[in-house]
């Protein structure tokens, strides 16, 4: 009965934890790292074909983005998540696969011209489609018997449509333990979705700490703030550009602009247009509407019951095709442009920044977390110029951050969530925060609130029977290993296929001799073809 920490340990992205209990390997999240994360994640302690289940806290790519990769390496278990999370993953994993293929194609065009060897994408659309066939949806509050000795339940984490904290009950021999994974804990009083639910008991808690060192500005009226920024920018003749995550933050912005439009808060520009330039965001908005009954909060549902779509209003323009996107920047009228990605690392937002960053009359409004090393973080930290599509762009536009517009709880919200446990857990594992934040929040839990808290590094292993540390994690800097890792990715995929073959062979033990002989002949024929 052990837990191994793999990703988002002293880092904010790439969440992945492995529970080994009752003869099963269970991943809680399987996320992709985003931005220039400082530390190298350790490898999974189990081959992909031997992973039995993946439980997802929510659909964001930093919690789900490597699912197609483990599928490519032989995973064929079940992926379990709430219905809304499953719906969102269907569009987000396909979108991620498209990005992987497009980036590989772009790099390979350059490699071909330089006479270098081409590289494959991290994974393909076929891998994304394949893993999606293994998804199983569940409802909030539904207690599920996962396997003999393990039960699970999903509770609303209030972070994103369908987001969850996951409770896991484990009975192995005489030992009975409950472990709770917080997922990303939501900020209270956010529009559209419900506030996070609180869990009352656990032996162990794995909790995030993204904003464990700061407090949100709860006094900001975001409708008024956005209206003021929009009016001032339009009066100058510029555009308001909002980098926003396609799933979650874009829908919040639509909610606010519907209110701004309804109340006529941008005087002199009442007919202004709001462009959502992201096919993914357009699809995600449809999924929000589909799941409104189980996920919308009371205020949003009141609008729905009155026949008002809380995410739609006059002047809303949905940009789907690349031609639609290009046309936006040839329209000289002041406008609001909401586009992904939220950290400005990829996607159409980079084109809009190219067209607007040099303009003194335009404003770029950041409404979400910007990871270290991302273009968004550089702009917030005052970069005088940036490079986009090989061209140096001077930053003349106003750069604004709306503090408190976050899907994550701040320090007060995190403390409220952990203090809701009626008895203190045996141990609290602090994850999903930048290096200093993890350490500081862990000290806060220990010194100020009396919790036995620790912030493990990737590779750390703990025995859940007695809370003992089996192996310390390692603090390995990424830069030292990145080149070697890129070279080995393709061979690793081949090696993983070989390990999956051994798993399949073991599964066929006791089969009919005729079938086993045919299987052996097929393997030998393949070996004859490739043996060098």
Protein backbone atom coordinates (compact mmCIF):
# COMPACT_ATOMS: atom_id res chain seq x y z
CA UNK A 1 0.00 0.00 0.00
CA UNK A 2 2.14 2.83 -1.33
CA UNK A 3 1.91 6.20 -3.04
CA UNK A 4 4.59 7.45 -5.44
CA UNK A 5 4.82 11.12 -6.40
CA UNK A 6 5.72 11.67 -10.05
CA UNK A 7 4.58 15.08 -11.33
CA UNK A 8 3.71 18.59 -10.07
CA UNK A 9 6.03 18.15 -7.08
CA UNK A 10 7.57 21.53 -6.27
CA UNK A 11 6.12 22.51 -9.66
CA UNK A 12 2.70 23.64 -10.84
CA UNK A 13 2.11 21.48 -13.92
CA UNK A 14 2.34 17.81 -14.90
CA UNK A 15 0.25 16.33 -12.07
CA UNK A 16 0.65 12.59 -11.57
CA UNK A 17 0.51 10.37 -8.48
CA UNK A 18 0.63 6.55 -8.39
CA UNK A 19 -1.16 4.41 -5.82
CA UNK A 20 -0.09 0.76 -5.58
CA UNK A 21 -2.60 -1.18 -3.48
CA UNK A 22 -4.58 -4.42 -3.56
CA UNK A 23 -2.46 -5.66 -6.44
CA UNK A 24 -3.44 -2.70 -8.66
CA UNK A 25 -1.62 0.32 -10.03
CA UNK A 26 -3.78 3.45 -10.06
CA UNK A 27 -2.72 6.81 -11.50
CA UNK A 28 -4.38 9.93 -10.17
CA UNK A 29 -3.99 12.33 -13.11
CA UNK A 30 -1.51 11.94 -15.95
CA UNK A 31 -0.60 15.52 -16.80
CA UNK A 32 1.72 17.24 -19.23
CA UNK A 33 4.28 19.76 -18.03
CA UNK A 34 3.82 23.27 -19.39
CA UNK A 35 6.25 26.16 -19.37
CA UNK A 36 9.92 25.80 -18.41
CA UNK A 37 9.47 23.65 -15.30
CA UNK A 38 12.58 23.46 -13.16
CA UNK A 39 12.71 19.82 -12.14
CA UNK A 40 12.82 16.55 -14.05
CA UNK A 41 9.96 14.20 -13.27
CA UNK A 42 10.97 10.65 -12.40
CA UNK A 43 9.67 7.80 -14.53
CA UNK A 44 6.50 5.95 -13.58
CA UNK A 45 7.27 3.02 -11.27
CA UNK A 46 5.20 0.75 -13.51
CA UNK A 47 5.09 0.00 -17.23
CA UNK A 48 2.14 1.51 -19.07
CA UNK A 49 0.52 -1.89 -19.87
CA UNK A 50 0.44 -2.67 -16.13
CA UNK A 51 -1.48 0.47 -15.15
CA UNK A 52 -4.97 -0.68 -14.21
CA UNK A 53 -6.82 2.64 -13.73
CA UNK A 54 -6.37 6.37 -14.18
CA UNK A 55 -8.58 8.67 -12.08
CA UNK A 56 -8.85 12.25 -13.33
CA UNK A 57 -9.46 15.24 -11.09
CA UNK A 58 -10.29 17.46 -14.10
CA UNK A 59 -9.70 17.98 -17.81
CA UNK A 60 -6.90 20.56 -17.93
CA UNK A 61 -3.94 19.34 -19.99
CA UNK A 62 -1.53 19.65 -17.07
CA UNK A 63 -3.63 16.89 -15.46
CA UNK A 64 -4.56 14.81 -18.54
CA UNK A 65 -2.15 15.64 -21.36
CA UNK A 66 0.01 12.49 -21.23
CA UNK A 67 -2.87 10.03 -21.42
CA UNK A 68 -2.37 9.53 -25.18
CA UNK A 69 1.35 8.90 -24.53
CA UNK A 70 0.76 6.10 -22.04
CA UNK A 71 -1.80 4.67 -24.47
CA UNK A 72 0.89 4.71 -27.18
CA UNK A 73 3.12 2.83 -24.74
CA UNK A 74 0.54 0.12 -24.09
CA UNK A 75 -1.94 1.35 -21.45
CA UNK A 76 -5.33 -0.30 -21.93
CA UNK A 77 -6.90 0.17 -18.49
CA UNK A 78 -9.89 2.34 -17.54
CA UNK A 79 -9.87 6.14 -17.23
CA UNK A 80 -12.54 7.29 -14.77
CA UNK A 81 -13.81 10.86 -14.42
CA UNK A 82 -17.02 12.86 -14.05
CA UNK A 83 -19.26 13.15 -17.09
CA UNK A 84 -18.31 16.79 -17.72
CA UNK A 85 -14.60 15.95 -17.46
CA UNK A 86 -15.04 13.14 -19.98
CA UNK A 87 -16.85 15.51 -22.35
CA UNK A 88 -14.08 18.10 -22.05
CA UNK A 89 -11.31 15.54 -22.46
CA UNK A 90 -12.84 14.45 -25.76
CA UNK A 91 -12.09 17.86 -27.24
CA UNK A 92 -8.98 18.78 -25.25
CA UNK A 93 -6.98 15.60 -25.90
CA UNK A 94 -7.79 15.75 -29.60
CA UNK A 95 -6.70 19.38 -29.62
CA UNK A 96 -3.48 18.50 -27.79
CA UNK A 97 -2.74 15.72 -30.30
CA UNK A 98 -3.31 18.15 -33.15
CA UNK A 99 -0.80 20.55 -31.56
CA UNK A 100 1.75 17.74 -31.10
CA UNK A 101 1.44 16.72 -34.76
CA UNK A 102 1.54 20.30 -36.05
CA UNK A 103 4.61 21.20 -33.98
CA UNK A 104 6.42 18.04 -35.14
CA UNK A 105 5.57 18.83 -38.75
CA UNK A 106 6.92 22.38 -38.37
CA UNK A 107 10.14 21.21 -36.70
CA UNK A 108 10.64 18.48 -39.29
CA UNK A 109 10.36 20.94 -42.16
CA UNK A 110 13.25 22.85 -40.60
CA UNK A 111 15.14 19.63 -39.85
CA UNK A 112 14.79 18.45 -43.44
CA UNK A 113 16.23 21.70 -44.78
CA UNK A 114 19.14 21.39 -42.35
CA UNK A 115 19.77 17.73 -43.17
CA UNK A 116 18.84 16.59 -39.66
CA UNK A 117 16.85 13.48 -38.75
CA UNK A 118 13.12 14.01 -38.42
CA UNK A 119 11.42 13.42 -35.08
CA UNK A 120 7.92 12.03 -34.46
CA UNK A 121 5.29 13.89 -32.41
CA UNK A 122 5.05 13.06 -28.73
CA UNK A 123 1.80 11.34 -29.66
CA UNK A 124 -0.68 11.31 -32.50
CA UNK A 125 -4.39 11.83 -33.07
CA UNK A 126 -4.76 8.04 -33.24
CA UNK A 127 -3.28 7.79 -29.73
CA UNK A 128 -5.75 10.39 -28.44
CA UNK A 129 -8.68 8.66 -30.10
CA UNK A 130 -7.47 5.33 -28.73
CA UNK A 131 -7.26 6.38 -25.10
CA UNK A 132 -10.66 8.10 -25.29
CA UNK A 133 -12.20 4.68 -25.95
CA UNK A 134 -11.14 3.70 -22.42
CA UNK A 135 -12.95 6.54 -20.60
CA UNK A 136 -15.77 5.77 -18.15
CA UNK A 137 -17.91 8.57 -16.71
CA UNK A 138 -19.37 8.78 -13.21
CA UNK A 139 -21.47 11.18 -11.17
CA UNK A 140 -20.56 13.33 -8.20
CA UNK A 141 -21.17 11.65 -4.82
CA UNK A 142 -21.42 8.20 -6.42
CA UNK A 143 -19.39 5.71 -4.38
CA UNK A 144 -17.77 3.27 -6.79
CA UNK A 145 -16.20 -0.09 -6.04
CA UNK A 146 -13.10 0.16 -8.23
CA UNK A 147 -11.73 -3.27 -7.43
CA UNK A 148 -11.68 -5.62 -4.47
CA UNK A 149 -10.45 -3.56 -1.51
CA UNK A 150 -10.69 -0.13 -3.17
CA UNK A 151 -13.65 2.27 -3.33
CA UNK A 152 -13.62 5.80 -4.77
CA UNK A 153 -15.88 8.87 -4.83
CA UNK A 154 -15.72 12.18 -6.71
CA UNK A 155 -16.72 15.49 -5.04
CA UNK A 156 -17.03 18.90 -6.71
CA UNK A 157 -13.72 20.81 -6.38
CA UNK A 158 -15.16 24.04 -7.82
CA UNK A 159 -12.16 24.65 -10.09
CA UNK A 160 -13.52 23.82 -13.55
CA UNK A 161 -16.62 22.29 -15.04
CA UNK A 162 -16.56 18.68 -13.81
CA UNK A 163 -13.51 19.16 -11.57
CA UNK A 164 -13.20 16.89 -8.57
CA UNK A 165 -11.53 16.00 -5.36
CA UNK A 166 -11.20 12.22 -5.16
CA UNK A 167 -11.73 10.12 -2.05
CA UNK A 168 -10.16 6.66 -2.05
CA UNK A 169 -10.82 3.97 0.55
CA UNK A 170 -8.25 1.15 0.64
CA UNK A 171 -8.57 -2.14 2.57
CA UNK A 172 -5.55 -4.40 2.31
CA UNK A 173 -5.40 -7.22 4.83
CA UNK A 174 -5.93 -5.76 8.32
CA UNK A 175 -5.08 -2.21 7.16
CA UNK A 176 -7.85 0.25 6.23
CA UNK A 177 -6.90 3.71 5.05
CA UNK A 178 -8.57 6.64 3.31
CA UNK A 179 -6.64 9.01 1.07
CA UNK A 180 -8.06 12.20 -0.42
CA UNK A 181 -6.67 13.92 -3.52
CA UNK A 182 -7.74 17.55 -3.53
CA UNK A 183 -7.25 18.11 -7.26
CA UNK A 184 -7.16 21.82 -8.00
CA UNK A 185 -9.25 23.50 -5.31
CA UNK A 186 -11.54 26.17 -6.72
CA UNK A 187 -11.78 29.81 -5.81
CA UNK A 188 -15.05 30.71 -4.05
CA UNK A 189 -17.68 33.03 -5.52
CA UNK A 190 -16.59 32.41 -9.12
CA UNK A 191 -19.23 32.74 -11.83
CA UNK A 192 -21.01 29.82 -13.52
CA UNK A 193 -19.77 26.81 -11.53
CA UNK A 194 -20.34 25.88 -7.89
CA UNK A 195 -18.00 26.56 -4.99
CA UNK A 196 -15.78 23.68 -3.81
CA UNK A 197 -17.26 21.04 -1.54
CA UNK A 198 -15.50 20.17 1.70
CA UNK A 199 -14.53 16.66 2.79
CA UNK A 200 -14.67 15.78 6.47
CA UNK A 201 -12.34 12.81 7.04
CA UNK A 202 -9.16 11.23 5.70
CA UNK A 203 -6.04 9.44 6.88
CA UNK A 204 -3.94 11.09 4.18
CA UNK A 205 -4.45 14.16 2.01
CA UNK A 206 -2.64 15.12 -1.19
CA UNK A 207 -3.40 18.81 -1.72
CA UNK A 208 -2.45 21.51 -4.19
CA UNK A 209 -0.71 24.74 -3.22
CA UNK A 210 -0.71 26.87 -6.39
CA UNK A 211 -1.56 30.09 -4.54
CA UNK A 212 -0.36 28.97 -1.13
CA UNK A 213 1.69 32.14 -0.72
CA UNK A 214 -0.82 34.86 -1.60
CA UNK A 215 -4.33 36.19 -1.18
CA UNK A 216 -6.67 37.12 -3.99
CA UNK A 217 -8.10 40.61 -4.17
CA UNK A 218 -11.66 39.78 -3.17
CA UNK A 219 -12.76 43.40 -3.38
CA UNK A 220 -12.44 43.69 -7.16
CA UNK A 221 -15.67 43.99 -9.12
CA UNK A 222 -14.54 42.23 -12.29
CA UNK A 223 -17.48 43.43 -14.36
CA UNK A 224 -16.68 47.04 -13.51
CA UNK A 225 -12.93 46.51 -13.94
CA UNK A 226 -13.32 44.91 -17.38
CA UNK A 227 -15.80 47.60 -18.42
CA UNK A 228 -13.38 50.36 -17.37
CA UNK A 229 -10.41 48.77 -19.19
CA UNK A 230 -12.52 48.20 -22.29
CA UNK A 231 -13.85 51.77 -22.40
CA UNK A 232 -10.43 53.35 -21.86
CA UNK A 233 -8.89 51.16 -24.57
CA UNK A 234 -11.71 51.77 -27.06
CA UNK A 235 -11.51 55.52 -26.42
CA UNK A 236 -7.85 55.33 -27.52
CA UNK A 237 -8.86 53.34 -30.61
CA UNK A 238 -7.19 50.12 -29.52
CA UNK A 239 -8.16 46.49 -28.96
CA UNK A 240 -8.54 44.59 -25.70
CA UNK A 241 -6.69 41.27 -26.05
CA UNK A 242 -7.38 38.63 -23.40
CA UNK A 243 -5.24 35.47 -23.36
CA UNK A 244 -7.58 32.97 -21.73
CA UNK A 245 -7.69 29.24 -21.24
CA UNK A 246 -10.17 27.86 -23.74
CA UNK A 247 -11.87 25.83 -21.03
CA UNK A 248 -13.03 27.67 -17.93
CA UNK A 249 -11.58 31.14 -18.15
CA UNK A 250 -13.05 31.94 -21.57
CA UNK A 251 -16.51 31.06 -20.31
CA UNK A 252 -16.03 33.30 -17.25
CA UNK A 253 -15.08 36.18 -19.54
CA UNK A 254 -18.23 35.62 -21.61
CA UNK A 255 -20.28 35.66 -18.41
CA UNK A 256 -18.78 39.02 -17.44
CA UNK A 257 -19.13 40.59 -20.91
CA UNK A 258 -22.78 39.48 -21.09
CA UNK A 259 -23.36 41.52 -17.92
CA UNK A 260 -21.33 44.46 -19.30
CA UNK A 261 -23.39 44.45 -22.49
CA UNK A 262 -26.69 44.03 -20.67
CA UNK A 263 -26.01 47.01 -18.38
CA UNK A 264 -24.47 49.23 -21.10
CA UNK A 265 -21.27 49.78 -19.11
CA UNK A 266 -19.01 50.71 -22.04
CA UNK A 267 -20.52 54.09 -22.83
CA UNK A 268 -20.07 55.32 -26.37
CA UNK A 269 -19.23 51.84 -27.63
CA UNK A 270 -22.41 49.91 -26.83
CA UNK A 271 -22.33 47.85 -30.04
CA UNK A 272 -18.76 46.59 -29.60
CA UNK A 273 -17.92 43.05 -30.63
CA UNK A 274 -16.34 40.31 -28.55
CA UNK A 275 -14.45 37.69 -30.57
CA UNK A 276 -13.82 34.23 -29.18
CA UNK A 277 -11.00 33.07 -31.40
CA UNK A 278 -10.52 29.44 -30.45
CA UNK A 279 -12.32 26.43 -31.92
CA UNK A 280 -11.62 24.61 -28.67
CA UNK A 281 -13.25 27.38 -26.63
CA UNK A 282 -16.32 27.32 -28.88
CA UNK A 283 -16.71 23.57 -28.36
CA UNK A 284 -16.03 23.88 -24.64
CA UNK A 285 -18.77 26.51 -24.30
CA UNK A 286 -21.24 24.05 -25.82
CA UNK A 287 -20.14 21.45 -23.24
CA UNK A 288 -20.67 23.98 -20.44
CA UNK A 289 -24.26 24.44 -21.61
CA UNK A 290 -24.77 20.67 -21.92
CA UNK A 291 -23.68 20.08 -18.29
CA UNK A 292 -25.42 23.07 -16.72
CA UNK A 293 -27.86 21.05 -14.61
CA UNK A 294 -25.21 19.27 -12.55
CA UNK A 295 -22.46 21.90 -12.59
CA UNK A 296 -23.88 25.46 -12.78
CA UNK A 297 -24.27 27.48 -9.59
CA UNK A 298 -27.55 29.02 -8.42
CA UNK A 299 -26.99 32.40 -10.08
CA UNK A 300 -26.24 30.87 -13.47
CA UNK A 301 -29.20 28.51 -13.18
CA UNK A 302 -31.53 31.42 -12.38
CA UNK A 303 -30.56 32.95 -15.72
CA UNK A 304 -31.12 29.64 -17.49
CA UNK A 305 -34.56 29.27 -15.91
CA UNK A 306 -35.45 32.75 -17.16
CA UNK A 307 -34.57 31.67 -20.68
CA UNK A 308 -31.26 33.56 -20.74
CA UNK A 309 -28.10 31.83 -21.90
CA UNK A 310 -25.43 33.15 -19.45
CA UNK A 311 -22.70 32.67 -22.05
CA UNK A 312 -24.28 34.44 -25.01
CA UNK A 313 -25.08 38.07 -25.92
CA UNK A 314 -25.41 40.43 -28.92
CA UNK A 315 -22.06 41.17 -30.52
CA UNK A 316 -20.50 37.81 -29.62
CA UNK A 317 -18.50 36.56 -32.60
CA UNK A 318 -17.24 32.97 -32.75
CA UNK A 319 -14.12 32.47 -34.84
CA UNK A 320 -13.59 28.88 -35.93
CA UNK A 321 -11.61 28.73 -39.19
CA UNK A 322 -8.14 30.15 -39.73
CA UNK A 323 -9.62 32.62 -42.23
CA UNK A 324 -12.04 33.82 -39.52
CA UNK A 325 -9.08 34.34 -37.22
CA UNK A 326 -7.00 36.26 -39.77
CA UNK A 327 -9.92 38.55 -40.61
CA UNK A 328 -10.09 39.82 -37.01
CA UNK A 329 -6.85 41.74 -37.37
CA UNK A 330 -7.92 43.34 -40.66
CA UNK A 331 -10.96 44.91 -38.97
CA UNK A 332 -9.89 48.34 -37.68
CA UNK A 333 -12.79 48.79 -35.28
CA UNK A 334 -11.92 48.52 -31.56
CA UNK A 335 -12.87 45.09 -30.27
CA UNK A 336 -12.33 42.52 -27.53
CA UNK A 337 -10.38 39.43 -28.58
CA UNK A 338 -10.45 36.40 -26.27
CA UNK A 339 -8.08 33.72 -27.48
CA UNK A 340 -6.06 30.72 -26.30
CA UNK A 341 -3.64 29.67 -25.05
CA UNK A 342 -3.99 31.30 -21.67
CA UNK A 343 -0.22 31.43 -21.07
CA UNK A 344 0.49 32.60 -24.66
CA UNK A 345 2.62 29.54 -25.37
CA UNK A 346 0.79 28.37 -28.50
CA UNK A 347 -2.32 28.88 -30.55
CA UNK A 348 -3.98 31.90 -32.12
CA UNK A 349 -3.31 34.26 -29.22
CA UNK A 350 0.27 34.63 -30.44
CA UNK A 351 -0.96 36.08 -33.74
CA UNK A 352 -3.14 38.61 -31.91
CA UNK A 353 -0.22 39.58 -29.69
CA UNK A 354 1.93 40.08 -32.77
CA UNK A 355 -0.68 42.50 -34.14
CA UNK A 356 -1.31 44.36 -30.87
CA UNK A 357 1.71 44.33 -28.55
CA UNK A 358 3.42 47.12 -30.50
CA UNK A 359 0.32 49.34 -30.35
CA UNK A 360 0.24 51.91 -27.54
CA UNK A 361 -3.54 52.13 -27.86
CA UNK A 362 -4.17 48.41 -27.18
CA UNK A 363 -4.38 46.58 -23.86
CA UNK A 364 -3.45 42.98 -23.04
CA UNK A 365 -5.39 41.72 -20.01
CA UNK A 366 -4.16 38.64 -18.14
CA UNK A 367 -6.86 36.82 -16.20
CA UNK A 368 -5.13 33.62 -15.12
CA UNK A 369 -2.00 32.01 -13.75
CA UNK A 370 1.18 32.41 -15.85
CA UNK A 371 3.75 29.69 -15.27
CA UNK A 372 7.46 30.46 -15.01
CA UNK A 373 9.09 30.58 -18.44
CA UNK A 374 5.92 31.24 -20.43
CA UNK A 375 5.46 34.22 -22.73
CA UNK A 376 2.61 35.41 -20.51
CA UNK A 377 4.88 35.46 -17.45
CA UNK A 378 7.53 37.39 -19.40
CA UNK A 379 5.01 40.06 -20.40
CA UNK A 380 3.72 40.38 -16.84
CA UNK A 381 7.28 40.76 -15.58
CA UNK A 382 7.83 43.73 -17.90
CA UNK A 383 9.56 42.37 -21.01
CA UNK A 384 10.42 45.29 -23.31
CA UNK A 385 10.35 43.10 -26.40
CA UNK A 386 9.41 39.54 -27.30
CA UNK A 387 9.95 37.26 -30.27
CA UNK A 388 6.92 35.98 -32.17
CA UNK A 389 7.17 33.91 -35.35
CA UNK A 390 10.83 34.85 -35.71
CA UNK A 391 10.10 38.58 -35.48
CA UNK A 392 11.08 40.86 -32.59
CA UNK A 393 8.06 42.82 -31.33
CA UNK A 394 8.43 45.84 -29.06
CA UNK A 395 5.97 45.83 -26.16
CA UNK A 396 4.13 49.17 -26.23
CA UNK A 397 0.62 48.00 -25.31
CA UNK A 398 -0.64 48.33 -21.76
CA UNK A 399 -0.19 45.08 -19.84
CA UNK A 400 -2.79 44.55 -17.12
CA UNK A 401 -3.41 41.71 -14.70
CA UNK A 402 -6.78 41.34 -13.03
CA UNK A 403 -5.81 39.97 -9.63
CA UNK A 404 -8.13 37.42 -8.14
CA UNK A 405 -9.56 36.20 -11.45
CA UNK A 406 -8.40 32.69 -10.76
CA UNK A 407 -9.84 29.22 -10.77
CA UNK A 408 -7.55 28.35 -7.86
CA UNK A 409 -8.21 29.02 -4.19
CA UNK A 410 -5.82 31.47 -2.55
CA UNK A 411 -4.01 30.77 0.71
CA UNK A 412 -7.12 31.49 2.76
CA UNK A 413 -9.19 29.16 0.58
CA UNK A 414 -6.61 26.37 0.84
CA UNK A 415 -6.48 26.71 4.63
CA UNK A 416 -10.28 26.67 4.81
CA UNK A 417 -10.37 23.49 2.72
CA UNK A 418 -7.84 21.56 4.84
CA UNK A 419 -9.27 22.86 8.12
CA UNK A 420 -12.67 21.39 7.14
CA UNK A 421 -11.40 17.92 8.09
CA UNK A 422 -12.94 17.13 11.46
CA UNK A 423 -9.79 15.33 12.64
CA UNK A 424 -6.31 16.07 11.39
CA UNK A 425 -5.08 13.55 8.79
CA UNK A 426 -2.03 11.44 9.64
CA UNK A 427 -0.10 13.29 6.94
CA UNK A 428 -0.69 16.01 4.37
CA UNK A 429 1.33 15.87 1.15
CA UNK A 430 1.70 19.32 -0.44
CA UNK A 431 2.04 19.36 -4.24
CA UNK A 432 1.21 21.50 -7.31
CA UNK A 433 3.02 24.68 -6.34
CA UNK A 434 6.23 26.43 -7.31
CA UNK A 435 9.27 25.34 -5.31
CA UNK A 436 9.26 28.08 -2.66
CA UNK A 437 5.47 28.07 -2.45
CA UNK A 438 5.38 24.34 -1.68
CA UNK A 439 7.95 24.74 1.07
CA UNK A 440 6.39 27.85 2.60
CA UNK A 441 2.85 26.47 2.55
CA UNK A 442 4.06 23.21 4.08
CA UNK A 443 5.73 25.15 6.91
CA UNK A 444 2.53 27.14 7.38
CA UNK A 445 0.48 23.95 7.76
CA UNK A 446 2.98 22.52 10.23
CA UNK A 447 3.88 25.56 12.31
CA UNK A 448 0.63 27.54 12.30
CA UNK A 449 -2.05 24.87 11.94
CA UNK A 450 -0.55 21.75 13.52
CA UNK A 451 -0.63 19.41 10.53
CA UNK A 452 2.01 16.78 9.83
CA UNK A 453 2.81 18.09 6.35
CA UNK A 454 5.52 17.33 3.82
CA UNK A 455 6.25 18.52 0.27
CA UNK A 456 7.66 15.50 -1.62
CA UNK A 457 9.88 15.70 -4.69
CA UNK A 458 9.30 13.58 -7.77
CA UNK A 459 10.15 9.95 -7.10
CA UNK A 460 9.19 10.12 -3.43
CA UNK A 461 7.48 6.97 -2.11
CA UNK A 462 5.43 6.68 1.08
CA UNK A 463 3.98 3.60 2.76
CA UNK A 464 0.30 4.28 3.46
CA UNK A 465 0.09 1.60 6.13
CA UNK A 466 2.20 3.59 8.58
CA UNK A 467 2.92 6.95 6.84
CA UNK A 468 6.64 6.14 6.62
CA UNK A 469 8.88 7.44 3.83
CA UNK A 470 10.14 4.53 1.74
CA UNK A 471 12.24 6.65 -0.61
CA UNK A 472 12.97 10.35 -0.77
CA UNK A 473 12.23 12.12 -4.03
CA UNK A 474 15.04 13.66 -6.03
CA UNK A 475 15.62 17.30 -6.97
CA UNK A 476 16.97 16.89 -10.51
CA UNK A 477 17.20 19.94 -12.77
CA UNK A 478 15.65 19.44 -16.16
CA UNK A 479 18.29 21.13 -18.30
CA UNK A 480 20.83 18.41 -17.55
CA UNK A 481 18.69 15.70 -19.10
CA UNK A 482 16.48 17.31 -21.74
CA UNK A 483 18.66 16.52 -24.79
CA UNK A 484 19.18 12.87 -23.90
CA UNK A 485 15.50 12.46 -23.18
CA UNK A 486 14.46 13.77 -26.62
CA UNK A 487 16.80 11.29 -28.29
CA UNK A 488 15.42 8.35 -26.29
CA UNK A 489 11.68 9.06 -26.66
CA UNK A 490 11.23 7.04 -29.87
CA UNK A 491 13.21 4.07 -28.62
CA UNK A 492 11.29 4.19 -25.33
CA UNK A 493 8.06 3.85 -27.28
CA UNK A 494 9.47 0.72 -28.93
CA UNK A 495 10.69 -0.67 -25.60
CA UNK A 496 7.26 -0.01 -24.09
CA UNK A 497 5.65 -1.95 -26.92
CA UNK A 498 7.93 -4.86 -26.05
CA UNK A 499 6.92 -4.69 -22.40
CA UNK A 500 3.28 -4.66 -23.41
CA UNK A 501 3.89 -7.76 -25.53
CA UNK A 502 5.16 -9.59 -22.45
CA UNK A 503 2.05 -8.51 -20.55
CA UNK A 504 -0.18 -9.87 -23.32
CA UNK A 505 1.80 -13.13 -23.37
CA UNK A 506 1.24 -13.54 -19.61
CA UNK A 507 -2.48 -12.89 -20.09
CA UNK A 508 -2.62 -15.80 -22.55
CA UNK A 509 -1.11 -18.35 -20.18
CA UNK A 510 -3.37 -21.40 -20.10
CA UNK A 511 -4.81 -20.73 -23.55
CA UNK A 512 -5.42 -23.37 -26.20
CA UNK A 513 -2.19 -24.84 -27.57
CA UNK A 514 -3.27 -24.13 -31.14
CA UNK A 515 -3.80 -20.43 -30.38
CA UNK A 516 -0.56 -20.12 -28.41
CA UNK A 517 1.41 -21.73 -31.23
CA UNK A 518 -0.11 -19.31 -33.75
CA UNK A 519 0.73 -16.38 -31.47
CA UNK A 520 4.33 -17.59 -31.11
CA UNK A 521 4.70 -17.95 -34.87
CA UNK A 522 3.46 -14.40 -35.40
CA UNK A 523 5.95 -13.03 -32.86
CA UNK A 524 8.84 -14.99 -34.40
CA UNK A 525 7.89 -13.79 -37.88
CA UNK A 526 7.98 -10.20 -36.66
CA UNK A 527 11.34 -10.78 -34.97
CA UNK A 528 12.77 -12.30 -38.17
CA UNK A 529 11.79 -9.15 -40.04
CA UNK A 530 13.42 -6.71 -37.60
CA UNK A 531 16.28 -8.70 -36.01
CA UNK A 532 19.57 -7.02 -36.89
